[in-house]
N, C-alpha and C. Protein backbone atom coordinates (compact mmCIF):
# COMPACT_ATOMS: atom_id res chain seq x y z
N UNK A 1 103.95 43.17 92.09
CA UNK A 1 103.98 44.62 92.06
C UNK A 1 103.95 45.09 90.61
N UNK A 2 103.19 46.11 90.35
CA UNK A 2 103.01 46.58 88.98
C UNK A 2 104.04 47.66 88.65
N UNK A 3 104.46 47.67 87.41
CA UNK A 3 105.41 48.70 86.97
C UNK A 3 104.71 49.89 86.31
N UNK A 4 103.37 49.86 86.28
CA UNK A 4 102.63 50.96 85.68
C UNK A 4 102.61 52.17 86.62
N UNK A 5 102.67 53.35 86.04
CA UNK A 5 102.60 54.56 86.84
C UNK A 5 101.65 55.54 86.16
N UNK A 6 101.06 56.39 86.96
CA UNK A 6 100.11 57.38 86.45
C UNK A 6 100.80 58.72 86.30
N UNK A 7 100.69 59.30 85.13
CA UNK A 7 101.26 60.63 84.91
C UNK A 7 100.18 61.53 84.31
N UNK A 8 100.17 62.76 84.79
CA UNK A 8 99.22 63.74 84.29
C UNK A 8 99.98 64.97 83.83
N UNK A 9 99.51 65.57 82.76
CA UNK A 9 100.18 66.77 82.26
C UNK A 9 99.81 68.00 83.08
N UNK A 10 98.73 67.90 83.84
CA UNK A 10 98.27 69.04 84.63
C UNK A 10 98.49 68.77 86.11
N UNK A 11 99.20 69.66 86.83
CA UNK A 11 99.41 69.42 88.26
C UNK A 11 98.12 69.58 89.06
N UNK A 12 98.06 68.89 90.17
CA UNK A 12 96.90 68.96 91.04
C UNK A 12 96.84 70.34 91.70
N UNK A 13 95.62 70.80 92.00
CA UNK A 13 95.48 72.13 92.63
C UNK A 13 96.04 72.15 94.03
N UNK A 14 96.08 71.01 94.72
CA UNK A 14 96.65 70.99 96.07
C UNK A 14 98.15 71.16 96.02
N UNK A 15 98.77 70.72 94.92
CA UNK A 15 100.22 70.83 94.79
C UNK A 15 100.62 72.25 94.41
N UNK A 16 99.88 72.84 93.49
CA UNK A 16 100.17 74.21 93.05
C UNK A 16 98.91 75.06 93.14
N UNK A 17 98.60 75.58 94.33
CA UNK A 17 97.40 76.41 94.46
C UNK A 17 97.56 77.72 93.69
N UNK A 18 96.46 78.22 93.21
CA UNK A 18 96.49 79.46 92.43
C UNK A 18 96.53 80.67 93.37
N UNK A 19 97.32 81.62 93.00
CA UNK A 19 97.40 82.87 93.78
C UNK A 19 96.13 83.69 93.53
N UNK A 20 95.86 84.60 94.43
CA UNK A 20 94.71 85.48 94.25
C UNK A 20 94.95 86.36 93.04
N UNK A 21 93.93 86.50 92.21
CA UNK A 21 94.07 87.35 91.03
C UNK A 21 94.01 88.83 91.41
N UNK A 22 93.29 89.13 92.45
CA UNK A 22 93.14 90.51 92.87
C UNK A 22 93.63 90.64 94.31
N UNK A 23 94.51 91.60 94.56
CA UNK A 23 95.08 91.77 95.90
C UNK A 23 94.00 92.13 96.92
N UNK A 24 92.94 92.81 96.50
CA UNK A 24 91.89 93.18 97.44
C UNK A 24 91.14 91.95 97.95
N UNK A 25 91.02 90.89 97.14
CA UNK A 25 90.38 89.66 97.60
C UNK A 25 91.21 89.00 98.69
N UNK A 26 92.53 88.98 98.49
CA UNK A 26 93.41 88.42 99.51
C UNK A 26 93.33 89.23 100.79
N UNK A 27 93.29 90.55 100.65
CA UNK A 27 93.22 91.43 101.82
C UNK A 27 91.91 91.21 102.59
N UNK A 28 90.80 91.05 101.85
CA UNK A 28 89.51 90.85 102.51
C UNK A 28 89.48 89.53 103.29
N UNK A 29 90.14 88.51 102.78
CA UNK A 29 90.12 87.21 103.45
C UNK A 29 91.12 87.11 104.59
N UNK A 30 92.36 87.60 104.37
CA UNK A 30 93.44 87.38 105.33
C UNK A 30 93.88 88.63 106.09
N UNK A 31 93.51 89.81 105.64
CA UNK A 31 93.93 91.03 106.30
C UNK A 31 95.26 91.54 105.76
N UNK A 32 95.79 92.54 106.41
CA UNK A 32 97.02 93.17 105.95
C UNK A 32 98.21 92.22 106.09
N UNK A 33 99.20 92.40 105.23
CA UNK A 33 100.42 91.61 105.31
C UNK A 33 101.21 92.07 106.53
N UNK A 34 101.62 91.11 107.35
CA UNK A 34 102.34 91.43 108.57
C UNK A 34 103.76 90.92 108.49
N UNK A 35 104.70 91.57 109.18
CA UNK A 35 106.09 91.10 109.13
C UNK A 35 106.24 89.74 109.83
N UNK A 36 107.28 89.02 109.44
CA UNK A 36 107.53 87.71 110.03
C UNK A 36 107.82 87.83 111.52
N UNK A 37 108.59 88.84 111.91
CA UNK A 37 108.92 89.05 113.32
C UNK A 37 108.32 90.37 113.78
N UNK A 38 107.53 90.29 114.82
CA UNK A 38 106.94 91.50 115.39
C UNK A 38 108.03 92.29 116.12
N UNK A 39 108.00 93.62 116.06
CA UNK A 39 108.99 94.41 116.80
C UNK A 39 108.82 94.22 118.30
N UNK A 40 109.92 94.29 119.03
CA UNK A 40 109.88 94.14 120.47
C UNK A 40 109.27 95.34 121.16
N UNK A 41 109.14 95.25 122.46
CA UNK A 41 108.51 96.32 123.24
C UNK A 41 109.26 97.65 123.09
N UNK A 42 110.59 97.63 123.26
CA UNK A 42 111.37 98.88 123.17
C UNK A 42 111.33 99.46 121.75
N UNK A 43 111.32 98.60 120.74
CA UNK A 43 111.24 99.09 119.37
C UNK A 43 109.90 99.77 119.12
N UNK A 44 108.84 99.23 119.74
CA UNK A 44 107.53 99.88 119.56
C UNK A 44 107.47 101.20 120.32
N UNK A 45 108.07 101.24 121.52
CA UNK A 45 108.03 102.46 122.35
C UNK A 45 108.84 103.57 121.67
N UNK A 46 110.04 103.25 121.18
CA UNK A 46 110.91 104.28 120.62
C UNK A 46 110.78 104.42 119.10
N UNK A 47 109.95 103.60 118.49
CA UNK A 47 109.69 103.73 117.06
C UNK A 47 110.80 103.26 116.17
N UNK A 48 111.66 102.37 116.64
CA UNK A 48 112.74 101.84 115.81
C UNK A 48 112.29 100.58 115.09
N UNK A 49 112.98 100.27 114.01
CA UNK A 49 112.67 99.05 113.27
C UNK A 49 113.78 98.07 113.42
């Protein structure tokens, strides 16, 4: 077994993907930001959050 290891000063793009530079590009690709939990039926009917 070898004791050599590979080290790079620059992280891989898969490890640290770059964020969108322009919010409109993200919106065009993925759509509007949605909440993690959708409101239930009664919350939608009565307009509560």
